[in-house]
Amino acid sequence: MDITSLSTSLSRQSVQQSASLQVQKMAMDGAKEQGADLARMMESTRAITDPALGSRVDILA
């Protein structure tokens, strides 16, 4: 293998690795955003104040 083809091959691998890392970073950032959104959504839900609410079904109505 000559120097030029070796250099081209190494350069191509470097570019592919950089692109792969950028895609992985984007995926991680998206997952972090989704996790933060889920945490905010769970915090915004209210707890049921009446513990008996939903424990009985009126079948005679």
N, C-alpha and C. Protein backbone atom coordinates (compact mmCIF):
# COMPACT_ATOMS: atom_id res chain seq x y z
N MET A 1 0.86 -1.16 0.00
CA MET A 1 0.00 0.00 0.00
C MET A 1 0.91 1.23 0.00
N ASP A 2 0.64 2.16 -0.86
CA ASP A 2 1.49 3.35 -0.92
C ASP A 2 1.01 4.42 0.05
N ILE A 3 1.79 5.45 0.20
CA ILE A 3 1.55 6.50 1.19
C ILE A 3 0.24 7.25 0.91
N THR A 4 -0.03 7.55 -0.34
CA THR A 4 -1.23 8.35 -0.65
C THR A 4 -2.51 7.59 -0.32
N SER A 5 -2.57 6.32 -0.66
CA SER A 5 -3.78 5.55 -0.36
C SER A 5 -3.92 5.33 1.14
N LEU A 6 -2.81 5.16 1.84
CA LEU A 6 -2.85 5.02 3.30
C LEU A 6 -3.35 6.30 3.94
N SER A 7 -2.85 7.43 3.47
CA SER A 7 -3.28 8.72 3.99
C SER A 7 -4.76 8.96 3.73
N THR A 8 -5.21 8.63 2.54
CA THR A 8 -6.63 8.78 2.20
C THR A 8 -7.50 7.90 3.07
N SER A 9 -7.06 6.68 3.27
CA SER A 9 -7.82 5.73 4.10
C SER A 9 -7.92 6.22 5.54
N LEU A 10 -6.81 6.68 6.10
CA LEU A 10 -6.82 7.18 7.48
C LEU A 10 -7.68 8.42 7.61
N SER A 11 -7.62 9.29 6.62
CA SER A 11 -8.45 10.50 6.64
C SER A 11 -9.93 10.15 6.59
N ARG A 12 -10.29 9.19 5.74
CA ARG A 12 -11.68 8.76 5.62
C ARG A 12 -12.17 8.16 6.94
N GLN A 13 -11.34 7.36 7.58
CA GLN A 13 -11.72 6.77 8.87
C GLN A 13 -11.91 7.84 9.92
N SER A 14 -11.07 8.85 9.90
CA SER A 14 -11.18 9.94 10.86
C SER A 14 -12.49 10.70 10.67
N VAL A 15 -12.84 10.97 9.44
CA VAL A 15 -14.10 11.67 9.14
C VAL A 15 -15.29 10.81 9.57
N GLN A 16 -15.26 9.53 9.28
CA GLN A 16 -16.35 8.65 9.67
C GLN A 16 -16.50 8.58 11.18
N GLN A 17 -15.38 8.54 11.89
CA GLN A 17 -15.43 8.49 13.34
C GLN A 17 -16.00 9.79 13.90
N SER A 18 -15.60 10.91 13.35
CA SER A 18 -16.12 12.20 13.80
C SER A 18 -17.62 12.29 13.57
N ALA A 19 -18.07 11.86 12.41
CA ALA A 19 -19.49 11.88 12.11
C ALA A 19 -20.26 10.97 13.06
N SER A 20 -19.72 9.82 13.33
CA SER A 20 -20.37 8.88 14.24
C SER A 20 -20.49 9.47 15.64
N LEU A 21 -19.44 10.12 16.11
CA LEU A 21 -19.48 10.75 17.43
C LEU A 21 -20.51 11.87 17.48
N GLN A 22 -20.62 12.64 16.42
CA GLN A 22 -21.61 13.72 16.40
C GLN A 22 -23.03 13.17 16.45
N VAL A 23 -23.28 12.09 15.73
CA VAL A 23 -24.61 11.47 15.74
C VAL A 23 -24.92 10.92 17.13
N GLN A 24 -23.94 10.31 17.77
CA GLN A 24 -24.15 9.79 19.13
C GLN A 24 -24.41 10.92 20.12
N LYS A 25 -23.70 12.03 19.98
CA LYS A 25 -23.94 13.19 20.85
C LYS A 25 -25.36 13.71 20.67
N MET A 26 -25.81 13.78 19.42
CA MET A 26 -27.17 14.26 19.15
C MET A 26 -28.20 13.32 19.77
N ALA A 27 -27.97 12.03 19.69
CA ALA A 27 -28.89 11.06 20.28
C ALA A 27 -28.91 11.19 21.79
N MET A 28 -27.75 11.38 22.40
CA MET A 28 -27.69 11.54 23.86
C MET A 28 -28.38 12.82 24.30
N ASP A 29 -28.19 13.91 23.55
CA ASP A 29 -28.85 15.16 23.89
C ASP A 29 -30.37 15.02 23.80
N GLY A 30 -30.83 14.32 22.77
CA GLY A 30 -32.27 14.09 22.62
C GLY A 30 -32.82 13.26 23.77
N ALA A 31 -32.08 12.24 24.19
CA ALA A 31 -32.52 11.40 25.31
C ALA A 31 -32.55 12.20 26.61
N LYS A 32 -31.57 13.08 26.80
CA LYS A 32 -31.55 13.92 28.00
C LYS A 32 -32.75 14.87 28.02
N GLU A 33 -33.07 15.44 26.86
CA GLU A 33 -34.23 16.34 26.77
C GLU A 33 -35.52 15.58 27.08
N GLN A 34 -35.65 14.39 26.54
CA GLN A 34 -36.85 13.60 26.79
C GLN A 34 -36.96 13.24 28.26
N GLY A 35 -35.85 12.91 28.89
CA GLY A 35 -35.86 12.60 30.32
C GLY A 35 -36.25 13.80 31.15
N ALA A 36 -35.71 14.96 30.80
CA ALA A 36 -36.06 16.19 31.53
C ALA A 36 -37.53 16.53 31.32
N ASP A 37 -38.03 16.36 30.10
CA ASP A 37 -39.45 16.61 29.84
C ASP A 37 -40.34 15.67 30.64
N LEU A 38 -39.95 14.41 30.72
CA LEU A 38 -40.72 13.44 31.48
C LEU A 38 -40.72 13.79 32.96
N ALA A 39 -39.58 14.21 33.48
CA ALA A 39 -39.50 14.60 34.89
C ALA A 39 -40.38 15.81 35.16
N ARG A 40 -40.36 16.80 34.26
CA ARG A 40 -41.23 17.98 34.42
C ARG A 40 -42.69 17.58 34.36
N MET A 41 -43.03 16.67 33.46
CA MET A 41 -44.41 16.25 33.32
C MET A 41 -44.88 15.51 34.57
N MET A 42 -44.02 14.68 35.13
CA MET A 42 -44.40 13.94 36.34
C MET A 42 -44.54 14.88 37.53
N GLU A 43 -43.72 15.93 37.60
CA GLU A 43 -43.83 16.89 38.69
C GLU A 43 -45.11 17.70 38.59
N SER A 44 -45.60 17.90 37.37
CA SER A 44 -46.78 18.74 37.19
C SER A 44 -48.09 18.00 37.48
N THR A 45 -48.04 16.70 37.61
CA THR A 45 -49.27 15.97 37.93
C THR A 45 -49.60 16.14 39.40
N ARG A 46 -50.87 16.18 39.69
CA ARG A 46 -51.31 16.35 41.07
C ARG A 46 -51.65 15.00 41.67
N ALA A 47 -51.37 14.88 42.94
CA ALA A 47 -51.75 13.67 43.67
C ALA A 47 -53.25 13.74 43.96
N ILE A 48 -53.89 12.60 43.99
CA ILE A 48 -55.31 12.55 44.32
C ILE A 48 -55.46 12.87 45.80
N THR A 49 -56.32 13.86 46.10
CA THR A 49 -56.47 14.27 47.50
C THR A 49 -57.41 13.36 48.26
N ASP A 50 -58.37 12.76 47.60
CA ASP A 50 -59.31 11.86 48.26
C ASP A 50 -58.86 10.42 48.01
N PRO A 51 -58.40 9.71 49.06
CA PRO A 51 -57.91 8.35 48.85
C PRO A 51 -59.01 7.36 48.45
N ALA A 52 -60.27 7.68 48.74
CA ALA A 52 -61.36 6.78 48.38
C ALA A 52 -61.82 6.99 46.94
N LEU A 53 -61.36 8.04 46.33
CA LEU A 53 -61.77 8.36 44.97
C LEU A 53 -61.27 7.28 44.00
N GLY A 54 -62.19 6.68 43.29
CA GLY A 54 -61.84 5.66 42.32
C GLY A 54 -61.75 4.26 42.88
N SER A 55 -62.06 4.09 44.17
CA SER A 55 -61.96 2.76 44.76
C SER A 55 -63.30 2.03 44.75
N ARG A 56 -64.36 2.74 44.45
CA ARG A 56 -65.70 2.12 44.41
C ARG A 56 -66.36 2.39 43.08
N VAL A 57 -67.17 1.43 42.66
CA VAL A 57 -67.91 1.58 41.42
C VAL A 57 -69.39 1.46 41.75
N ASP A 58 -70.18 2.45 41.32
CA ASP A 58 -71.62 2.45 41.55
C ASP A 58 -72.29 1.69 40.40
N ILE A 59 -72.67 0.44 40.67
CA ILE A 59 -73.27 -0.37 39.60
C ILE A 59 -74.80 -0.28 39.60
N LEU A 60 -75.39 0.42 40.57
CA LEU A 60 -76.84 0.52 40.64
C LEU A 60 -77.37 1.75 39.91
N ALA A 61 -76.55 2.60 39.47
CA ALA A 61 -76.99 3.86 38.86
C ALA A 61 -77.57 3.67 37.52
